[in-house]
Structure formats: structure tokens, C-alpha cells
């Protein structure tokens, strides 16, 4: 209506500059938050990869133990079939039970250590990711606040 009467309303240059700076600052703040989010995701993916590697190591170790235990069982079976009397068979059986029990204790201890190491690593990586993400978010928020205050002046 103002234009129809020959008057044209113009947005003052200062107001346009202020709005443009505000949009730029909001974009920078958003980019900072987005960067922090990407960094957190990358770190968590690294944790996942680390866990997958640990799981693969545990699987390989378990297969190795299974192979060792099966080989020991076959060796035991061969000795048993060669036994000449029941006393010798019982002695072989007792010896086999002792050695397998000791082997399984060692195997379980090693698997437990693998699991603990994986858990500690994953926890440390997750804590580092959370700390980094929080710091990046604080930094982005501080920059946005500073820019907003400067724009207010």
C-alpha cells in the first residue's frame, strides 16, 4: 500500500547487515555443532571397529583352543586303545582329565583377559569421544554466544 502511494519502504542498511551477520554466526555455530557430532560419530565408529577386532581375536583364539582340545582328545583316544589293562586306561584317563582341566583354566584366563582388554579399550574410547564431543560443543556454543554478543553491540 505504501508503494501504491508512491512511498517505498526500504530496510535500513544497518538492519540488513545485522541480519546477515546473525545468519552467518548461526551458520558458523551450526557448523561447529555439526563438526562436534561428526567427530563423536567417527570416534564411536573407531570404538566399534576396535570391538570387532577384539571379537575376531577372541574367535580366532577360541578356534585355536578348540583345535588344541580336539587334538588332545584324539591323542588320548589313541593312548586308550593301546592300553593293555584297566589300570593303565584309568591312569591315562586321570592324566588326561588333569591336563585338560589345567589347559582349560589357562584358556579361560586368556579369554577373560581378551574380554577385559576389549572392554577397557571400548570404555576409554567412548569416554574420549564423549569428552571431545562435549568440548567441541562447548566451543561452538561459546563462539556462537560471543558472536551474538558482538552483534548486539
N, C-alpha and C. Protein backbone atom coordinates (compact mmCIF):
# COMPACT_ATOMS: atom_id res chain seq x y z
N UNK A 1 0.81 -1.18 0.00
CA UNK A 1 0.00 0.00 0.00
C UNK A 1 0.86 1.25 0.00
N UNK A 2 1.98 1.18 0.75
CA UNK A 2 2.87 2.33 0.78
C UNK A 2 3.45 2.59 -0.60
N UNK A 3 3.73 1.51 -1.34
CA UNK A 3 4.27 1.68 -2.69
C UNK A 3 3.22 2.25 -3.62
N UNK A 4 2.01 1.88 -3.40
CA UNK A 4 0.93 2.36 -4.26
C UNK A 4 0.78 3.87 -4.14
N UNK A 5 1.13 4.43 -3.03
CA UNK A 5 1.00 5.87 -2.83
C UNK A 5 2.30 6.57 -3.19
N UNK A 6 3.24 5.84 -3.73
CA UNK A 6 4.48 6.45 -4.17
C UNK A 6 5.58 6.39 -3.13
N UNK A 7 5.29 5.80 -2.00
CA UNK A 7 6.32 5.67 -0.96
C UNK A 7 6.88 4.25 -1.00
N UNK A 8 8.14 4.18 -0.89
CA UNK A 8 8.80 2.86 -0.90
C UNK A 8 9.51 2.69 0.43
N UNK A 9 9.19 1.58 1.13
CA UNK A 9 9.84 1.32 2.41
C UNK A 9 11.09 0.51 2.15
N UNK A 10 12.22 0.98 2.62
CA UNK A 10 13.48 0.27 2.46
C UNK A 10 13.99 -0.17 3.83
N UNK A 11 14.55 -1.38 3.83
CA UNK A 11 15.16 -1.89 5.06
C UNK A 11 16.50 -1.18 5.22
N UNK A 12 16.73 -0.58 6.36
CA UNK A 12 17.99 0.14 6.56
C UNK A 12 19.20 -0.79 6.39
N UNK A 13 20.27 -0.22 5.88
CA UNK A 13 21.50 -0.98 5.64
C UNK A 13 21.99 -1.61 6.92
N UNK A 14 21.92 -0.90 8.03
CA UNK A 14 22.39 -1.43 9.32
C UNK A 14 21.59 -2.68 9.71
N UNK A 15 20.30 -2.63 9.46
CA UNK A 15 19.44 -3.77 9.81
C UNK A 15 19.76 -4.97 8.93
N UNK A 16 19.99 -4.74 7.65
CA UNK A 16 20.36 -5.84 6.75
C UNK A 16 21.72 -6.42 7.13
N UNK A 17 22.67 -5.54 7.47
CA UNK A 17 24.00 -6.01 7.90
C UNK A 17 23.89 -6.85 9.17
N UNK A 18 23.07 -6.36 10.12
CA UNK A 18 22.87 -7.09 11.37
C UNK A 18 22.26 -8.47 11.09
N UNK A 19 21.26 -8.52 10.24
CA UNK A 19 20.59 -9.79 9.91
C UNK A 19 21.57 -10.72 9.20
N UNK A 20 22.36 -10.18 8.30
CA UNK A 20 23.33 -11.01 7.58
C UNK A 20 24.38 -11.58 8.53
N UNK A 21 24.88 -10.74 9.44
CA UNK A 21 25.85 -11.22 10.42
C UNK A 21 25.23 -12.29 11.32
N UNK A 22 23.98 -12.09 11.70
CA UNK A 22 23.30 -13.07 12.55
C UNK A 22 23.18 -14.42 11.85
N UNK A 23 22.83 -14.38 10.58
CA UNK A 23 22.72 -15.63 9.81
C UNK A 23 24.08 -16.29 9.68
N UNK A 24 25.11 -15.50 9.40
CA UNK A 24 26.46 -16.06 9.29
C UNK A 24 26.91 -16.69 10.61
N UNK A 25 26.62 -16.00 11.70
CA UNK A 25 27.02 -16.53 13.01
C UNK A 25 26.24 -17.79 13.35
N UNK A 26 24.97 -17.81 13.02
CA UNK A 26 24.17 -19.01 13.27
C UNK A 26 24.71 -20.17 12.44
N UNK A 27 25.08 -19.89 11.19
CA UNK A 27 25.65 -20.94 10.34
C UNK A 27 26.96 -21.46 10.93
N UNK A 28 27.81 -20.55 11.40
CA UNK A 28 29.08 -20.97 12.00
C UNK A 28 28.85 -21.80 13.25
N UNK A 29 27.90 -21.38 14.07
CA UNK A 29 27.59 -22.14 15.29
C UNK A 29 27.07 -23.53 14.92
N UNK A 30 26.18 -23.59 13.94
CA UNK A 30 25.65 -24.88 13.50
C UNK A 30 26.76 -25.76 12.94
N UNK A 31 27.65 -25.15 12.13
CA UNK A 31 28.78 -25.92 11.60
C UNK A 31 29.65 -26.46 12.72
N UNK A 32 29.84 -25.67 13.79
CA UNK A 32 30.61 -26.13 14.95
C UNK A 32 29.95 -27.31 15.62
N UNK A 33 28.63 -27.21 15.83
CA UNK A 33 27.90 -28.32 16.44
C UNK A 33 27.94 -29.56 15.54
N UNK A 34 27.79 -29.35 14.26
CA UNK A 34 27.82 -30.46 13.31
C UNK A 34 29.19 -31.11 13.29
N UNK A 35 30.25 -30.30 13.34
CA UNK A 35 31.61 -30.84 13.39
C UNK A 35 31.82 -31.69 14.63
N UNK A 36 31.30 -31.21 15.76
CA UNK A 36 31.42 -31.98 17.01
C UNK A 36 30.67 -33.31 16.89
N UNK A 37 29.50 -33.28 16.28
CA UNK A 37 28.72 -34.50 16.11
C UNK A 37 29.45 -35.49 15.21
N UNK A 38 30.02 -35.00 14.11
CA UNK A 38 30.77 -35.88 13.19
C UNK A 38 31.97 -36.50 13.91
N UNK A 39 32.65 -35.69 14.70
CA UNK A 39 33.82 -36.20 15.42
C UNK A 39 33.41 -37.30 16.40
N UNK A 40 32.30 -37.09 17.08
CA UNK A 40 31.81 -38.09 18.02
C UNK A 40 31.45 -39.39 17.31
N UNK A 41 30.78 -39.27 16.17
CA UNK A 41 30.41 -40.46 15.39
C UNK A 41 31.65 -41.20 14.92
N UNK A 42 32.64 -40.46 14.43
CA UNK A 42 33.88 -41.09 13.97
C UNK A 42 34.57 -41.84 15.11
N UNK A 43 34.59 -41.24 16.29
CA UNK A 43 35.23 -41.89 17.42
C UNK A 43 34.47 -43.14 17.82
N UNK A 44 33.13 -43.04 17.83
CA UNK A 44 32.34 -44.23 18.18
C UNK A 44 32.51 -45.32 17.14
N UNK A 45 32.64 -44.95 15.87
CA UNK A 45 32.89 -45.97 14.84
C UNK A 45 34.25 -46.61 15.06
N UNK A 46 35.23 -45.82 15.50
CA UNK A 46 36.53 -46.39 15.84
C UNK A 46 36.42 -47.38 16.98
N UNK A 47 35.58 -47.07 17.95
CA UNK A 47 35.35 -48.00 19.07
C UNK A 47 34.72 -49.28 18.56
N UNK A 48 33.77 -49.13 17.65
CA UNK A 48 33.09 -50.31 17.11
C UNK A 48 34.10 -51.18 16.35
N UNK A 49 34.96 -50.54 15.56
CA UNK A 49 35.98 -51.29 14.82
C UNK A 49 36.91 -51.99 15.79
N UNK A 50 37.28 -51.31 16.86
CA UNK A 50 38.15 -51.91 17.86
C UNK A 50 37.47 -53.12 18.50
N UNK A 51 36.18 -53.00 18.80
CA UNK A 51 35.43 -54.12 19.38
C UNK A 51 35.34 -55.28 18.39
N UNK A 52 35.14 -54.96 17.11
CA UNK A 52 35.08 -56.02 16.11
C UNK A 52 36.41 -56.74 16.02
N UNK A 53 37.50 -56.00 16.09
CA UNK A 53 38.82 -56.60 16.05
C UNK A 53 39.02 -57.51 17.27
N UNK A 54 38.61 -57.02 18.43
CA UNK A 54 38.73 -57.83 19.65
C UNK A 54 37.88 -59.09 19.55
N UNK A 55 36.68 -58.95 19.00
CA UNK A 55 35.81 -60.12 18.83
C UNK A 55 36.44 -61.12 17.87
N UNK A 56 37.05 -60.62 16.80
CA UNK A 56 37.73 -61.52 15.85
C UNK A 56 38.89 -62.23 16.51
N UNK A 57 39.65 -61.48 17.31
CA UNK A 57 40.78 -62.10 18.03
C UNK A 57 40.28 -63.19 18.98
N UNK A 58 39.21 -62.90 19.70
CA UNK A 58 38.65 -63.88 20.63
C UNK A 58 38.14 -65.11 19.88
N UNK A 59 37.53 -64.88 18.73
CA UNK A 59 37.03 -66.01 17.92
C UNK A 59 38.18 -66.88 17.44
N UNK A 60 39.23 -66.23 16.94
CA UNK A 60 40.40 -66.99 16.48
C UNK A 60 41.02 -67.79 17.63
N UNK A 61 41.12 -67.15 18.78
CA UNK A 61 41.70 -67.81 19.95
C UNK A 61 40.83 -69.00 20.36
N UNK A 62 39.51 -68.81 20.33
CA UNK A 62 38.60 -69.89 20.70
C UNK A 62 38.73 -71.06 19.73
N UNK A 63 38.83 -70.77 18.46
CA UNK A 63 39.02 -71.84 17.46
C UNK A 63 40.35 -72.56 17.68
N UNK A 64 41.37 -71.81 18.02
CA UNK A 64 42.68 -72.42 18.30
C UNK A 64 42.58 -73.34 19.51
N UNK A 65 41.88 -72.89 20.55
CA UNK A 65 41.69 -73.73 21.74
C UNK A 65 40.90 -74.99 21.39
N UNK A 66 39.87 -74.83 20.60
CA UNK A 66 39.06 -75.99 20.21
C UNK A 66 39.93 -77.00 19.46
N UNK A 67 40.76 -76.49 18.56
CA UNK A 67 41.66 -77.37 17.81
C UNK A 67 42.62 -78.10 18.75
N UNK A 68 43.19 -77.37 19.71
CA UNK A 68 44.10 -77.99 20.67
C UNK A 68 43.38 -79.06 21.50
N UNK A 69 42.18 -78.74 21.96
CA UNK A 69 41.43 -79.68 22.81
C UNK A 69 41.01 -80.92 22.04
N UNK A 70 40.60 -80.75 20.80
CA UNK A 70 40.21 -81.90 19.98
C UNK A 70 41.42 -82.77 19.67
N UNK A 71 42.54 -82.13 19.37
CA UNK A 71 43.76 -82.88 19.12
C UNK A 71 44.17 -83.67 20.36
N UNK A 72 44.07 -83.04 21.53
CA UNK A 72 44.40 -83.74 22.78
C UNK A 72 43.45 -84.91 23.00
N UNK A 73 42.17 -84.73 22.66
CA UNK A 73 41.19 -85.82 22.83
C UNK A 73 41.52 -86.99 21.90
N UNK A 74 41.91 -86.70 20.66
CA UNK A 74 42.28 -87.78 19.73
C UNK A 74 43.55 -88.50 20.20
N UNK A 75 44.52 -87.72 20.67
CA UNK A 75 45.75 -88.34 21.21
C UNK A 75 45.41 -89.25 22.40
N UNK A 76 44.52 -88.76 23.25
CA UNK A 76 44.09 -89.55 24.41
C UNK A 76 43.39 -90.84 23.95
N UNK A 77 42.53 -90.71 22.97
CA UNK A 77 41.82 -91.89 22.47
C UNK A 77 42.81 -92.92 21.92
N UNK A 78 43.83 -92.45 21.21
CA UNK A 78 44.84 -93.38 20.68
C UNK A 78 45.57 -94.09 21.83
N UNK A 79 45.92 -93.36 22.86
CA UNK A 79 46.60 -93.98 24.00
C UNK A 79 45.69 -94.97 24.71
N UNK A 80 44.42 -94.62 24.81
CA UNK A 80 43.47 -95.51 25.49
C UNK A 80 43.32 -96.84 24.75
N UNK A 81 43.23 -96.78 23.42
CA UNK A 81 43.05 -98.03 22.67
C UNK A 81 44.30 -98.90 22.73
N UNK A 82 45.43 -98.34 23.09
CA UNK A 82 46.66 -99.10 23.20
C UNK A 82 46.88 -99.63 24.63
N UNK A 83 46.04 -99.18 25.55
CA UNK A 83 46.20 -99.63 26.95
C UNK A 83 46.03 -101.14 27.03
N UNK A 84 46.85 -101.77 27.84
CA UNK A 84 46.83 -103.23 27.94
C UNK A 84 45.93 -103.74 29.06
N UNK A 85 45.60 -102.85 30.02
CA UNK A 85 44.69 -103.28 31.09
C UNK A 85 43.90 -102.07 31.61
N UNK A 86 42.95 -102.36 32.51
CA UNK A 86 42.06 -101.32 33.01
C UNK A 86 42.81 -100.30 33.87
N UNK A 87 43.83 -100.75 34.63
CA UNK A 87 44.61 -99.81 35.45
C UNK A 87 45.31 -98.77 34.57
N UNK A 88 45.91 -99.24 33.50
CA UNK A 88 46.59 -98.31 32.59
C UNK A 88 45.57 -97.35 31.97
N UNK A 89 44.41 -97.84 31.57
CA UNK A 89 43.36 -96.99 30.99
C UNK A 89 42.89 -95.95 32.00
N UNK A 90 42.71 -96.36 33.28
CA UNK A 90 42.29 -95.43 34.32
C UNK A 90 43.36 -94.37 34.59
N UNK A 91 44.61 -94.80 34.56
CA UNK A 91 45.73 -93.87 34.76
C UNK A 91 45.76 -92.85 33.62
N UNK A 92 45.62 -93.33 32.38
CA UNK A 92 45.59 -92.44 31.22
C UNK A 92 44.41 -91.45 31.31
N UNK A 93 43.27 -91.97 31.76
CA UNK A 93 42.07 -91.13 31.88
C UNK A 93 42.28 -90.04 32.93
N UNK A 94 42.85 -90.38 34.06
CA UNK A 94 43.09 -89.41 35.13
C UNK A 94 44.09 -88.35 34.67
N UNK A 95 45.13 -88.80 33.98
CA UNK A 95 46.14 -87.88 33.46
C UNK A 95 45.52 -86.92 32.44
N UNK A 96 44.70 -87.46 31.56
CA UNK A 96 44.03 -86.64 30.55
C UNK A 96 43.11 -85.60 31.21
N UNK A 97 42.35 -86.02 32.21
CA UNK A 97 41.44 -85.11 32.91
C UNK A 97 42.23 -83.98 33.58
N UNK A 98 43.35 -84.30 34.22
CA UNK A 98 44.19 -83.27 34.86
C UNK A 98 44.74 -82.28 33.86
N UNK A 99 45.33 -82.80 32.78
CA UNK A 99 45.94 -81.90 31.79
C UNK A 99 44.89 -81.05 31.08
N UNK A 100 43.73 -81.61 30.80
CA UNK A 100 42.68 -80.84 30.12
C UNK A 100 42.09 -79.78 31.06
N UNK A 101 41.95 -80.13 32.34
CA UNK A 101 41.45 -79.16 33.30
C UNK A 101 42.42 -77.97 33.39
N UNK A 102 43.72 -78.28 33.47
CA UNK A 102 44.74 -77.22 33.54
C UNK A 102 44.73 -76.38 32.26
N UNK A 103 44.62 -77.05 31.11
CA UNK A 103 44.58 -76.33 29.83
C UNK A 103 43.36 -75.41 29.75
N UNK A 104 42.22 -75.91 30.20
CA UNK A 104 41.00 -75.09 30.15
C UNK A 104 41.09 -73.91 31.09
N UNK A 105 41.75 -74.07 32.24
CA UNK A 105 41.93 -72.93 33.14
C UNK A 105 42.74 -71.83 32.45
N UNK A 106 43.82 -72.23 31.81
CA UNK A 106 44.66 -71.27 31.09
C UNK A 106 43.86 -70.61 29.96
N UNK A 107 43.12 -71.41 29.22
CA UNK A 107 42.34 -70.89 28.11
C UNK A 107 41.28 -69.88 28.58
N UNK A 108 40.58 -70.22 29.65
CA UNK A 108 39.54 -69.31 30.17
C UNK A 108 40.17 -68.02 30.69
N UNK A 109 41.33 -68.14 31.33
CA UNK A 109 42.03 -66.94 31.82
C UNK A 109 42.40 -66.04 30.65
N UNK A 110 42.96 -66.63 29.59
CA UNK A 110 43.35 -65.83 28.43
C UNK A 110 42.14 -65.18 27.75
N UNK A 111 41.05 -65.92 27.61
CA UNK A 111 39.84 -65.35 27.02
C UNK A 111 39.28 -64.23 27.90
N UNK A 112 39.34 -64.41 29.21
CA UNK A 112 38.90 -63.36 30.13
C UNK A 112 39.73 -62.10 29.99
N UNK A 113 41.04 -62.28 29.82
CA UNK A 113 41.94 -61.13 29.63
C UNK A 113 41.63 -60.41 28.33
N UNK A 114 41.34 -61.17 27.27
CA UNK A 114 40.97 -60.56 25.98
C UNK A 114 39.70 -59.74 26.16
N UNK A 115 38.71 -60.29 26.84
CA UNK A 115 37.44 -59.59 27.04
C UNK A 115 37.65 -58.33 27.89
N UNK A 116 38.46 -58.42 28.94
CA UNK A 116 38.72 -57.26 29.78
C UNK A 116 39.45 -56.16 29.01
N UNK A 117 40.42 -56.56 28.22
CA UNK A 117 41.17 -55.59 27.43
C UNK A 117 40.24 -54.89 26.43
N UNK A 118 39.38 -55.66 25.79
CA UNK A 118 38.43 -55.07 24.83
C UNK A 118 37.48 -54.11 25.53
N UNK A 119 37.00 -54.51 26.70
CA UNK A 119 36.07 -53.65 27.44
C UNK A 119 36.75 -52.36 27.89
N UNK A 120 37.98 -52.48 28.39
CA UNK A 120 38.71 -51.28 28.82
C UNK A 120 38.96 -50.35 27.63
N UNK A 121 39.35 -50.92 26.51
CA UNK A 121 39.61 -50.12 25.31
C UNK A 121 38.35 -49.41 24.83
N UNK A 122 37.25 -50.14 24.78
CA UNK A 122 35.99 -49.54 24.33
C UNK A 122 35.54 -48.44 25.28
N UNK A 123 35.70 -48.68 26.58
CA UNK A 123 35.30 -47.67 27.57
C UNK A 123 36.17 -46.42 27.43
N UNK A 124 37.47 -46.61 27.27
CA UNK A 124 38.37 -45.47 27.13
C UNK A 124 38.04 -44.68 25.87
N UNK A 125 37.78 -45.38 24.77
CA UNK A 125 37.45 -44.69 23.52
C UNK A 125 36.12 -43.95 23.63
N UNK A 126 35.15 -44.57 24.29
CA UNK A 126 33.85 -43.91 24.46
C UNK A 126 33.98 -42.68 25.34
N UNK A 127 34.77 -42.77 26.41
CA UNK A 127 34.98 -41.62 27.28
C UNK A 127 35.69 -40.50 26.53
N UNK A 128 36.69 -40.85 25.74
CA UNK A 128 37.40 -39.84 24.96
C UNK A 128 36.46 -39.18 23.95
N UNK A 129 35.62 -39.98 23.32
CA UNK A 129 34.67 -39.42 22.34
C UNK A 129 33.70 -38.49 23.02
N UNK A 130 33.20 -38.88 24.17
CA UNK A 130 32.24 -38.04 24.89
C UNK A 130 32.91 -36.74 25.34
N UNK A 131 34.13 -36.83 25.83
CA UNK A 131 34.87 -35.65 26.26
C UNK A 131 35.13 -34.71 25.08
N UNK A 132 35.58 -35.27 23.97
CA UNK A 132 35.84 -34.46 22.77
C UNK A 132 34.57 -33.81 22.25
N UNK A 133 33.49 -34.57 22.22
CA UNK A 133 32.22 -34.04 21.72
C UNK A 133 31.72 -32.92 22.63
N UNK A 134 31.84 -33.11 23.93
CA UNK A 134 31.41 -32.07 24.88
C UNK A 134 32.26 -30.82 24.72
N UNK A 135 33.56 -30.99 24.57
CA UNK A 135 34.45 -29.83 24.40
C UNK A 135 34.14 -29.09 23.10
N UNK A 136 33.93 -29.84 22.03
CA UNK A 136 33.63 -29.21 20.75
C UNK A 136 32.27 -28.49 20.80
N UNK A 137 31.32 -29.09 21.49
CA UNK A 137 30.00 -28.46 21.63
C UNK A 137 30.11 -27.19 22.46
N UNK A 138 30.87 -27.25 23.57
CA UNK A 138 31.07 -26.05 24.39
C UNK A 138 31.75 -24.96 23.58
N UNK A 139 32.76 -25.33 22.81
CA UNK A 139 33.48 -24.36 22.00
C UNK A 139 32.55 -23.71 20.98
N UNK A 140 31.75 -24.53 20.32
CA UNK A 140 30.81 -23.98 19.33
C UNK A 140 29.79 -23.07 20.00
N UNK A 141 29.31 -23.46 21.17
CA UNK A 141 28.35 -22.63 21.89
C UNK A 141 29.00 -21.33 22.34
N UNK A 142 30.23 -21.40 22.83
CA UNK A 142 30.95 -20.18 23.24
C UNK A 142 31.15 -19.23 22.07
N UNK A 143 31.53 -19.78 20.93
CA UNK A 143 31.73 -18.95 19.74
C UNK A 143 30.42 -18.30 19.31
N UNK A 144 29.35 -19.07 19.37
CA UNK A 144 28.05 -18.52 18.98
C UNK A 144 27.62 -17.42 19.94
N UNK A 145 27.84 -17.64 21.23
CA UNK A 145 27.49 -16.64 22.24
C UNK A 145 28.31 -15.37 22.05
N UNK A 146 29.62 -15.53 21.84
CA UNK A 146 30.50 -14.38 21.63
C UNK A 146 30.08 -13.61 20.39
N UNK A 147 29.82 -14.33 19.32
CA UNK A 147 29.41 -13.67 18.08
C UNK A 147 28.08 -12.95 18.27
N UNK A 148 27.16 -13.57 18.99
CA UNK A 148 25.86 -12.94 19.23
C UNK A 148 26.04 -11.65 20.04
N UNK A 149 26.88 -11.71 21.06
CA UNK A 149 27.12 -10.52 21.90
C UNK A 149 27.78 -9.40 21.10
N UNK A 150 28.71 -9.78 20.24
CA UNK A 150 29.36 -8.78 19.40
C UNK A 150 28.37 -8.14 18.44
N UNK A 151 27.45 -8.91 17.99
CA UNK A 151 26.43 -8.41 17.07
C UNK A 151 25.47 -7.48 17.78
N UNK A 152 25.29 -7.71 19.07
CA UNK A 152 24.38 -6.88 19.86
C UNK A 152 24.96 -5.49 20.07
N UNK A 153 26.28 -5.40 20.07
CA UNK A 153 26.96 -4.12 20.34
C UNK A 153 26.92 -3.18 19.19
